[in-house]
């Protein structure tokens, strides 16, 4: 049975805004990972792990997984906390 994760990827650390952060990714989990004895890298003979599917909404990703009978784990995004303060607050301490 195939297992997958559905999530919204984190933004690049070089970005400060939240634009273009609305794509949901369906990514397959690795089956039987093995460790390469020469380099120490993790590898697998399962080629589905190389596949990442993008969806515009969470519901489309869930519907696709259910239609294809894929067991999935849904990871909800954390809400971003913003603190509103004025420029003068930097100098009032």
PDB file of N, CA and C in Angstrom:
ATOM      1  N   UNK A   1       0.840  -1.184   0.000  1.00  0.00           N
ATOM      2  CA  UNK A   1       0.000   0.000   0.000  1.00  0.00           C
ATOM      3  C   UNK A   1       0.881   1.243   0.000  1.00  0.00           C
ATOM      4  N   UNK A   2       0.536   2.197  -0.835  1.00  0.00           N
ATOM      5  CA  UNK A   2       1.284   3.442  -0.923  1.00  0.00           C
ATOM      6  C   UNK A   2       0.905   4.365   0.235  1.00  0.00           C
ATOM      7  N   UNK A   3       1.900   5.064   0.767  1.00  0.00           N
ATOM      8  CA  UNK A   3       1.655   6.043   1.825  1.00  0.00           C
ATOM      9  C   UNK A   3       2.217   7.378   1.378  1.00  0.00           C
ATOM     10  N   UNK A   4       1.496   8.448   1.700  1.00  0.00           N
ATOM     11  CA  UNK A   4       1.913   9.774   1.242  1.00  0.00           C
ATOM     12  C   UNK A   4       1.672  10.809   2.335  1.00  0.00           C
ATOM     13  N   UNK A   5       2.274  11.976   2.125  1.00  0.00           N
ATOM     14  CA  UNK A   5       2.099  13.119   3.012  1.00  0.00           C
ATOM     15  C   UNK A   5       1.531  14.255   2.166  1.00  0.00           C
ATOM     16  N   UNK A   6       0.521  14.945   2.702  1.00  0.00           N
ATOM     17  CA  UNK A   6      -0.042  16.117   2.038  1.00  0.00           C
ATOM     18  C   UNK A   6       0.246  17.322   2.923  1.00  0.00           C
ATOM     19  N   UNK A   7       0.906  18.341   2.354  1.00  0.00           N
ATOM     20  CA  UNK A   7       1.323  19.496   3.145  1.00  0.00           C
ATOM     21  C   UNK A   7       1.539  20.712   2.248  1.00  0.00           C
ATOM     22  N   UNK A   8       1.680  21.878   2.885  1.00  0.00           N
ATOM     23  CA  UNK A   8       2.102  23.099   2.191  1.00  0.00           C
ATOM     24  C   UNK A   8       3.581  23.275   2.534  1.00  0.00           C
ATOM     25  N   UNK A   9       4.463  23.396   1.537  1.00  0.00           N
ATOM     26  CA  UNK A   9       5.888  23.527   1.843  1.00  0.00           C
ATOM     27  C   UNK A   9       6.207  24.860   2.514  1.00  0.00           C
ATOM     28  N   UNK A  10       7.270  24.855   3.309  1.00  0.00           N
ATOM     29  CA  UNK A  10       7.717  26.084   3.961  1.00  0.00           C
ATOM     30  C   UNK A  10       8.259  27.053   2.927  1.00  0.00           C
ATOM     31  N   UNK A  11       8.188  28.319   3.258  1.00  0.00           N
ATOM     32  CA  UNK A  11       8.723  29.322   2.349  1.00  0.00           C
ATOM     33  C   UNK A  11      10.243  29.338   2.436  1.00  0.00           C
ATOM     34  N   UNK A  12      10.847  29.864   1.423  1.00  0.00           N
ATOM     35  CA  UNK A  12      12.288  30.001   1.376  1.00  0.00           C
ATOM     36  C   UNK A  12      12.737  30.973   2.470  1.00  0.00           C
ATOM     37  N   UNK A  13      13.825  30.704   3.198  1.00  0.00           N
ATOM     38  CA  UNK A  13      14.276  31.616   4.244  1.00  0.00           C
ATOM     39  C   UNK A  13      14.642  33.008   3.720  1.00  0.00           C
ATOM     40  N   UNK A  14      14.865  33.125   2.421  1.00  0.00           N
ATOM     41  CA  UNK A  14      15.207  34.423   1.850  1.00  0.00           C
ATOM     42  C   UNK A  14      13.965  35.270   1.574  1.00  0.00           C
ATOM     43  N   UNK A  15      12.785  34.707   1.782  1.00  0.00           N
ATOM     44  CA  UNK A  15      11.546  35.432   1.535  1.00  0.00           C
ATOM     45  C   UNK A  15      11.001  35.982   2.851  1.00  0.00           C
ATOM     46  N   UNK A  16      10.410  37.144   2.789  1.00  0.00           N
ATOM     47  CA  UNK A  16       9.790  37.694   3.985  1.00  0.00           C
ATOM     48  C   UNK A  16       8.272  37.684   3.889  1.00  0.00           C
ATOM     49  N   UNK A  17       7.737  37.627   2.689  1.00  0.00           N
ATOM     50  CA  UNK A  17       6.290  37.662   2.499  1.00  0.00           C
ATOM     51  C   UNK A  17       5.674  36.285   2.500  1.00  0.00           C
ATOM     52  N   UNK A  18       4.352  36.268   2.326  1.00  0.00           N
ATOM     53  CA  UNK A  18       3.639  34.987   2.320  1.00  0.00           C
ATOM     54  C   UNK A  18       2.958  34.720   0.979  1.00  0.00           C
ATOM     55  N   UNK A  19       3.308  35.496  -0.042  1.00  0.00           N
ATOM     56  CA  UNK A  19       2.711  35.299  -1.359  1.00  0.00           C
ATOM     57  C   UNK A  19       3.223  34.002  -1.987  1.00  0.00           C
ATOM     58  N   UNK A  20       2.446  33.437  -2.877  1.00  0.00           N
ATOM     59  CA  UNK A  20       2.774  32.197  -3.589  1.00  0.00           C
ATOM     60  C   UNK A  20       3.070  31.037  -2.635  1.00  0.00           C
ATOM     61  N   UNK A  21       2.376  31.024  -1.518  1.00  0.00           N
ATOM     62  CA  UNK A  21       2.570  29.963  -0.541  1.00  0.00           C
ATOM     63  C   UNK A  21       1.264  29.192  -0.371  1.00  0.00           C
ATOM     64  N   UNK A  22       0.600  28.886  -1.486  1.00  0.00           N
ATOM     65  CA  UNK A  22      -0.729  28.295  -1.401  1.00  0.00           C
ATOM     66  C   UNK A  22      -0.847  26.971  -2.143  1.00  0.00           C
ATOM     67  N   UNK A  23       0.255  26.353  -2.508  1.00  0.00           N
ATOM     68  CA  UNK A  23       0.192  25.069  -3.214  1.00  0.00           C
ATOM     69  C   UNK A  23       0.334  23.924  -2.216  1.00  0.00           C
ATOM     70  N   UNK A  24      -0.509  22.938  -2.384  1.00  0.00           N
ATOM     71  CA  UNK A  24      -0.459  21.739  -1.560  1.00  0.00           C
ATOM     72  C   UNK A  24       0.345  20.679  -2.307  1.00  0.00           C
ATOM     73  N   UNK A  25       1.212  19.974  -1.598  1.00  0.00           N
ATOM     74  CA  UNK A  25       2.088  18.963  -2.177  1.00  0.00           C
ATOM     75  C   UNK A  25       1.678  17.583  -1.656  1.00  0.00           C
ATOM     76  N   UNK A  26       1.586  16.623  -2.559  1.00  0.00           N
ATOM     77  CA  UNK A  26       1.409  15.224  -2.190  1.00  0.00           C
ATOM     78  C   UNK A  26       2.737  14.534  -2.494  1.00  0.00           C
ATOM     79  N   UNK A  27       3.388  14.053  -1.448  1.00  0.00           N
ATOM     80  CA  UNK A  27       4.709  13.445  -1.582  1.00  0.00           C
ATOM     81  C   UNK A  27       4.673  12.039  -0.982  1.00  0.00           C
ATOM     82  N   UNK A  28       5.190  11.080  -1.695  1.00  0.00           N
ATOM     83  CA  UNK A  28       5.171   9.697  -1.242  1.00  0.00           C
ATOM     84  C   UNK A  28       6.304   9.430  -0.256  1.00  0.00           C
ATOM     85  N   UNK A  29       6.011   8.583   0.742  1.00  0.00           N
ATOM     86  CA  UNK A  29       7.018   8.207   1.726  1.00  0.00           C
ATOM     87  C   UNK A  29       7.916   7.110   1.155  1.00  0.00           C
ATOM     88  N   UNK A  30       9.133   7.031   1.661  1.00  0.00           N
ATOM     89  CA  UNK A  30      10.104   6.036   1.201  1.00  0.00           C
ATOM     90  C   UNK A  30       9.784   4.671   1.793  1.00  0.00           C
ATOM     91  N   UNK A  31       9.791   3.657   0.932  1.00  0.00           N
ATOM     92  CA  UNK A  31       9.632   2.275   1.391  1.00  0.00           C
ATOM     93  C   UNK A  31      11.010   1.634   1.497  1.00  0.00           C
ATOM     94  N   UNK A  32      11.287   0.981   2.590  1.00  0.00           N
ATOM     95  CA  UNK A  32      12.529   0.237   2.817  1.00  0.00           C
ATOM     96  C   UNK A  32      13.787   1.035   2.429  1.00  0.00           C
ATOM     97  N   UNK A  33      14.049   2.144   3.113  1.00  0.00           N
ATOM     98  CA  UNK A  33      15.266   2.881   2.772  1.00  0.00           C
ATOM     99  C   UNK A  33      16.513   2.094   3.178  1.00  0.00           C
ATOM    100  N   UNK A  34      17.529   2.173   2.352  1.00  0.00           N
ATOM    101  CA  UNK A  34      18.798   1.527   2.657  1.00  0.00           C
ATOM    102  C   UNK A  34      19.883   2.587   2.681  1.00  0.00           C
ATOM    103  N   UNK A  35      20.947   2.303   3.375  1.00  0.00           N
ATOM    104  CA  UNK A  35      22.044   3.252   3.485  1.00  0.00           C
ATOM    105  C   UNK A  35      23.175   2.811   2.573  1.00  0.00           C
ATOM    106  N   UNK A  36      23.637   3.717   1.737  1.00  0.00           N
ATOM    107  CA  UNK A  36      24.743   3.449   0.830  1.00  0.00           C
ATOM    108  C   UNK A  36      26.020   3.307   1.661  1.00  0.00           C
ATOM    109  N   UNK A  37      26.726   2.162   1.586  1.00  0.00           N
ATOM    110  CA  UNK A  37      27.898   1.968   2.428  1.00  0.00           C
ATOM    111  C   UNK A  37      29.078   2.876   2.073  1.00  0.00           C
ATOM    112  N   UNK A  38      29.168   3.314   0.836  1.00  0.00           N
ATOM    113  CA  UNK A  38      30.300   4.143   0.421  1.00  0.00           C
ATOM    114  C   UNK A  38      30.133   5.599   0.859  1.00  0.00           C
ATOM    115  N   UNK A  39      28.988   6.205   0.538  1.00  0.00           N
ATOM    116  CA  UNK A  39      28.788   7.628   0.811  1.00  0.00           C
ATOM    117  C   UNK A  39      27.935   7.897   2.050  1.00  0.00           C
ATOM    118  N   UNK A  40      27.181   6.891   2.503  1.00  0.00           N
ATOM    119  CA  UNK A  40      26.329   7.088   3.664  1.00  0.00           C
ATOM    120  C   UNK A  40      24.993   7.723   3.343  1.00  0.00           C
ATOM    121  N   UNK A  41      24.672   7.852   2.068  1.00  0.00           N
ATOM    122  CA  UNK A  41      23.400   8.433   1.663  1.00  0.00           C
ATOM    123  C   UNK A  41      22.278   7.424   1.813  1.00  0.00           C
ATOM    124  N   UNK A  42      21.081   7.928   2.040  1.00  0.00           N
ATOM    125  CA  UNK A  42      19.907   7.064   2.092  1.00  0.00           C
ATOM    126  C   UNK A  42      19.370   6.891   0.680  1.00  0.00           C
ATOM    127  N   UNK A  43      19.084   5.661   0.302  1.00  0.00           N
ATOM    128  CA  UNK A  43      18.564   5.399  -1.034  1.00  0.00           C
ATOM    129  C   UNK A  43      17.456   4.364  -0.955  1.00  0.00           C
ATOM    130  N   UNK A  44      16.753   4.205  -2.063  1.00  0.00           N
ATOM    131  CA  UNK A  44      15.654   3.260  -2.125  1.00  0.00           C
ATOM    132  C   UNK A  44      15.438   2.848  -3.574  1.00  0.00           C
ATOM    133  N   UNK A  45      14.885   1.677  -3.757  1.00  0.00           N
ATOM    134  CA  UNK A  45      14.572   1.228  -5.114  1.00  0.00           C
ATOM    135  C   UNK A  45      13.167   1.661  -5.531  1.00  0.00           C
ATOM    136  N   UNK A  46      12.450   2.318  -4.624  1.00  0.00           N
ATOM    137  CA  UNK A  46      11.094   2.790  -4.890  1.00  0.00           C
ATOM    138  C   UNK A  46      11.157   4.138  -5.607  1.00  0.00           C
ATOM    139  N   UNK A  47      10.713   4.198  -6.859  1.00  0.00           N
ATOM    140  CA  UNK A  47      10.792   5.433  -7.637  1.00  0.00           C
ATOM    141  C   UNK A  47       9.658   6.414  -7.340  1.00  0.00           C
ATOM    142  N   UNK A  48       8.632   5.989  -6.620  1.00  0.00           N
ATOM    143  CA  UNK A  48       7.546   6.912  -6.281  1.00  0.00           C
ATOM    144  C   UNK A  48       8.012   8.010  -5.323  1.00  0.00           C
ATOM    145  N   UNK A  49       9.086   7.766  -4.598  1.00  0.00           N
ATOM    146  CA  UNK A  49       9.569   8.778  -3.660  1.00  0.00           C
ATOM    147  C   UNK A  49      10.107  10.006  -4.377  1.00  0.00           C
ATOM    148  N   UNK A  50      10.418   9.882  -5.650  1.00  0.00           N
ATOM    149  CA  UNK A  50      10.921  11.006  -6.420  1.00  0.00           C
ATOM    150  C   UNK A  50       9.791  11.890  -6.953  1.00  0.00           C
ATOM    151  N   UNK A  51       8.565  11.460  -6.777  1.00  0.00           N
ATOM    152  CA  UNK A  51       7.407  12.151  -7.347  1.00  0.00           C
ATOM    153  C   UNK A  51       6.776  13.084  -6.320  1.00  0.00           C
ATOM    154  N   UNK A  52       6.569  14.351  -6.702  1.00  0.00           N
ATOM    155  CA  UNK A  52       5.850  15.324  -5.888  1.00  0.00           C
ATOM    156  C   UNK A  52       4.755  15.919  -6.759  1.00  0.00           C
ATOM    157  N   UNK A  53       3.520  15.788  -6.315  1.00  0.00           N
ATOM    158  CA  UNK A  53       2.386  16.315  -7.059  1.00  0.00           C
ATOM    159  C   UNK A  53       1.907  17.605  -6.401  1.00  0.00           C
ATOM    160  N   UNK A  54       1.647  18.639  -7.206  1.00  0.00           N
ATOM    161  CA  UNK A  54       1.171  19.925  -6.702  1.00  0.00           C
ATOM    162  C   UNK A  54      -0.321  20.066  -6.973  1.00  0.00           C
ATOM    163  N   UNK A  55      -1.031  20.599  -5.981  1.00  0.00           N
ATOM    164  CA  UNK A  55      -2.464  20.847  -6.096  1.00  0.00           C
ATOM    165  C   UNK A  55      -2.752  22.268  -5.636  1.00  0.00           C
ATOM    166  N   UNK A  56      -3.774  22.873  -6.203  1.00  0.00           N
ATOM    167  CA  UNK A  56      -4.105  24.252  -5.836  1.00  0.00           C
ATOM    168  C   UNK A  56      -4.864  24.337  -4.513  1.00  0.00           C
ATOM    169  N   UNK A  57      -5.578  23.265  -4.145  1.00  0.00           N
ATOM    170  CA  UNK A  57      -6.311  23.267  -2.877  1.00  0.00           C
ATOM    171  C   UNK A  57      -6.067  21.959  -2.128  1.00  0.00           C
ATOM    172  N   UNK A  58      -6.330  22.018  -0.828  1.00  0.00           N
ATOM    173  CA  UNK A  58      -6.181  20.833   0.013  1.00  0.00           C
ATOM    174  C   UNK A  58      -7.180  19.758  -0.387  1.00  0.00           C
ATOM    175  N   UNK A  59      -8.402  20.181  -0.703  1.00  0.00           N
ATOM    176  CA  UNK A  59      -9.446  19.209  -1.039  1.00  0.00           C
ATOM    177  C   UNK A  59      -9.130  18.445  -2.322  1.00  0.00           C
ATOM    178  N   UNK A  60      -8.514  19.096  -3.293  1.00  0.00           N
ATOM    179  CA  UNK A  60      -8.121  18.397  -4.519  1.00  0.00           C
ATOM    180  C   UNK A  60      -7.073  17.325  -4.220  1.00  0.00           C
ATOM    181  N   UNK A  61      -6.141  17.627  -3.357  1.00  0.00           N
ATOM    182  CA  UNK A  61      -5.104  16.651  -2.994  1.00  0.00           C
ATOM    183  C   UNK A  61      -5.709  15.459  -2.257  1.00  0.00           C
ATOM    184  N   UNK A  62      -6.639  15.732  -1.351  1.00  0.00           N
ATOM    185  CA  UNK A  62      -7.290  14.654  -0.599  1.00  0.00           C
ATOM    186  C   UNK A  62      -8.139  13.790  -1.536  1.00  0.00           C
ATOM    187  N   UNK A  63      -8.876  14.426  -2.431  1.00  0.00           N
ATOM    188  CA  UNK A  63      -9.717  13.675  -3.380  1.00  0.00           C
ATOM    189  C   UNK A  63      -8.868  12.787  -4.287  1.00  0.00           C
ATOM    190  N   UNK A  64      -7.719  13.293  -4.737  1.00  0.00           N
ATOM    191  CA  UNK A  64      -6.824  12.502  -5.580  1.00  0.00           C
ATOM    192  C   UNK A  64      -6.320  11.274  -4.822  1.00  0.00           C
ATOM    193  N   UNK A  65      -5.907  11.471  -3.574  1.00  0.00           N
ATOM    194  CA  UNK A  65      -5.395  10.358  -2.775  1.00  0.00           C
ATOM    195  C   UNK A  65      -6.480   9.311  -2.528  1.00  0.00           C
ATOM    196  N   UNK A  66      -7.681   9.756  -2.258  1.00  0.00           N
ATOM    197  CA  UNK A  66      -8.779   8.807  -2.031  1.00  0.00           C
ATOM    198  C   UNK A  66      -9.140   8.060  -3.309  1.00  0.00           C
ATOM    199  N   UNK A  67      -9.133   8.762  -4.445  1.00  0.00           N
ATOM    200  CA  UNK A  67      -9.471   8.139  -5.722  1.00  0.00           C
ATOM    201  C   UNK A  67      -8.460   7.058  -6.107  1.00  0.00           C
ATOM    202  N   UNK A  68      -7.179   7.331  -5.836  1.00  0.00           N
ATOM    203  CA  UNK A  68      -6.111   6.382  -6.168  1.00  0.00           C
ATOM    204  C   UNK A  68      -5.828   5.390  -5.045  1.00  0.00           C
ATOM    205  N   UNK A  69      -6.627   5.445  -3.957  1.00  0.00           N
ATOM    206  CA  UNK A  69      -6.496   4.541  -2.802  1.00  0.00           C
ATOM    207  C   UNK A  69      -5.100   4.627  -2.182  1.00  0.00           C
ATOM    208  N   UNK A  70      -4.685   5.852  -1.906  1.00  0.00           N
ATOM    209  CA  UNK A  70      -3.396   6.106  -1.278  1.00  0.00           C
ATOM    210  C   UNK A  70      -3.644   6.489   0.178  1.00  0.00           C
ATOM    211  N   UNK A  71      -3.006   5.791   1.113  1.00  0.00           N
ATOM    212  CA  UNK A  71      -3.064   6.196   2.512  1.00  0.00           C
ATOM    213  C   UNK A  71      -2.265   7.479   2.655  1.00  0.00           C
ATOM    214  N   UNK A  72      -2.846   8.476   3.311  1.00  0.00           N
ATOM    215  CA  UNK A  72      -2.149   9.754   3.404  1.00  0.00           C
ATOM    216  C   UNK A  72      -2.216  10.313   4.818  1.00  0.00           C
ATOM    217  N   UNK A  73      -1.232  11.150   5.117  1.00  0.00           N
ATOM    218  CA  UNK A  73      -1.177  11.889   6.366  1.00  0.00           C
ATOM    219  C   UNK A  73      -1.261  13.370   6.000  1.00  0.00           C
ATOM    220  N   UNK A  74      -2.195  14.074   6.607  1.00  0.00           N
ATOM    221  CA  UNK A  74      -2.401  15.486   6.304  1.00  0.00           C
ATOM    222  C   UNK A  74      -1.708  16.328   7.364  1.00  0.00           C
ATOM    223  N   UNK A  75      -0.821  17.207   6.930  1.00  0.00           N
ATOM    224  CA  UNK A  75      -0.111  18.105   7.843  1.00  0.00           C
ATOM    225  C   UNK A  75      -0.640  19.511   7.593  1.00  0.00           C
ATOM    226  N   UNK A  76      -1.376  20.030   8.563  1.00  0.00           N
ATOM    227  CA  UNK A  76      -1.954  21.374   8.445  1.00  0.00           C
ATOM    228  C   UNK A  76      -0.868  22.419   8.680  1.00  0.00           C
ATOM    229  N   UNK A  77      -0.908  23.529   7.940  1.00  0.00           N
ATOM    230  CA  UNK A  77       0.094  24.583   8.155  1.00  0.00           C
ATOM    231  C   UNK A  77      -0.167  25.317   9.470  1.00  0.00           C
ATOM    232  N   UNK A  78       0.902  25.761  10.090  1.00  0.00           N
ATOM    233  CA  UNK A  78       0.772  26.538  11.319  1.00  0.00           C
ATOM    234  C   UNK A  78       0.462  27.985  10.952  1.00  0.00           C
ATOM    235  N   UNK A  79      -0.369  28.611  11.755  1.00  0.00           N
ATOM    236  CA  UNK A  79      -0.724  30.004  11.520  1.00  0.00           C
ATOM    237  C   UNK A  79       0.443  30.900  11.896  1.00  0.00           C
ATOM    238  N   UNK A  80       0.697  31.879  11.054  1.00  0.00           N
ATOM    239  CA  UNK A  80       1.794  32.805  11.284  1.00  0.00           C
ATOM    240  C   UNK A  80       1.333  33.902  12.241  1.00  0.00           C
ATOM    241  N   UNK A  81       2.113  34.123  13.289  1.00  0.00           N
ATOM    242  CA  UNK A  81       1.788  35.166  14.251  1.00  0.00           C
ATOM    243  C   UNK A  81       2.515  36.443  13.849  1.00  0.00           C
ATOM    244  N   UNK A  82       1.765  37.503  13.712  1.00  0.00           N
ATOM    245  CA  UNK A  82       2.377  38.790  13.411  1.00  0.00           C
ATOM    246  C   UNK A  82       2.091  39.743  14.558  1.00  0.00           C
ATOM    247  N   UNK A  83       3.104  40.457  14.974  1.00  0.00           N
ATOM    248  CA  UNK A  83       2.968  41.430  16.047  1.00  0.00           C
ATOM    249  C   UNK A  83       3.078  42.812  15.426  1.00  0.00           C
ATOM    250  N   UNK A  84       2.011  43.583  15.557  1.00  0.00           N
ATOM    251  CA  UNK A  84       2.023  44.934  15.014  1.00  0.00           C
ATOM    252  C   UNK A  84       2.642  45.868  16.037  1.00  0.00           C
ATOM    253  N   UNK A  85       3.661  46.574  15.604  1.00  0.00           N
ATOM    254  CA  UNK A  85       4.276  47.568  16.469  1.00  0.00           C
ATOM    255  C   UNK A  85       4.784  48.709  15.606  1.00  0.00           C
ATOM    256  N   UNK A  86       4.994  49.806  16.241  1.00  0.00           N
ATOM    257  CA  UNK A  86       5.444  50.979  15.497  1.00  0.00           C
ATOM    258  C   UNK A  86       6.970  51.049  15.521  1.00  0.00           C
ATOM    259  N   UNK A  87       7.507  51.872  14.671  1.00  0.00           N
ATOM    260  CA  UNK A  87       8.951  52.054  14.583  1.00  0.00           C
ATOM    261  C   UNK A  87       9.497  52.632  15.887  1.00  0.00           C
ATOM    262  N   UNK A  88       8.715  53.465  16.555  1.00  0.00           N
ATOM    263  CA  UNK A  88       9.161  54.105  17.798  1.00  0.00           C
ATOM    264  C   UNK A  88       9.356  53.087  18.919  1.00  0.00           C
ATOM    265  N   UNK A  89       8.704  51.954  18.850  1.00  0.00           N
ATOM    266  CA  UNK A  89       8.853  50.937  19.899  1.00  0.00           C
ATOM    267  C   UNK A  89      10.292  50.420  19.996  1.00  0.00           C
ATOM    268  N   UNK A  90      11.064  50.526  18.951  1.00  0.00           N
ATOM    269  CA  UNK A  90      12.459  50.090  18.989  1.00  0.00           C
ATOM    270  C   UNK A  90      13.311  50.950  19.924  1.00  0.00           C
ATOM    271  N   UNK A  91      12.879  52.170  20.213  1.00  0.00           N
ATOM    272  CA  UNK A  91      13.689  53.108  20.983  1.00  0.00           C
ATOM    273  C   UNK A  91      13.118  53.408  22.371  1.00  0.00           C
ATOM    274  N   UNK A  92      12.029  52.800  22.735  1.00  0.00           N
ATOM    275  CA  UNK A  92      11.363  53.121  24.002  1.00  0.00           C
ATOM    276  C   UNK A  92      11.753  52.199  25.141  1.00  0.00           C
ATOM    277  N   UNK A  93      12.682  51.343  24.991  1.00  0.00           N
ATOM    278  CA  UNK A  93      13.048  50.430  26.083  1.00  0.00           C
ATOM    279  C   UNK A  93      14.166  50.951  26.909  1.00  0.00           C
TER     280      UNK A  93
END
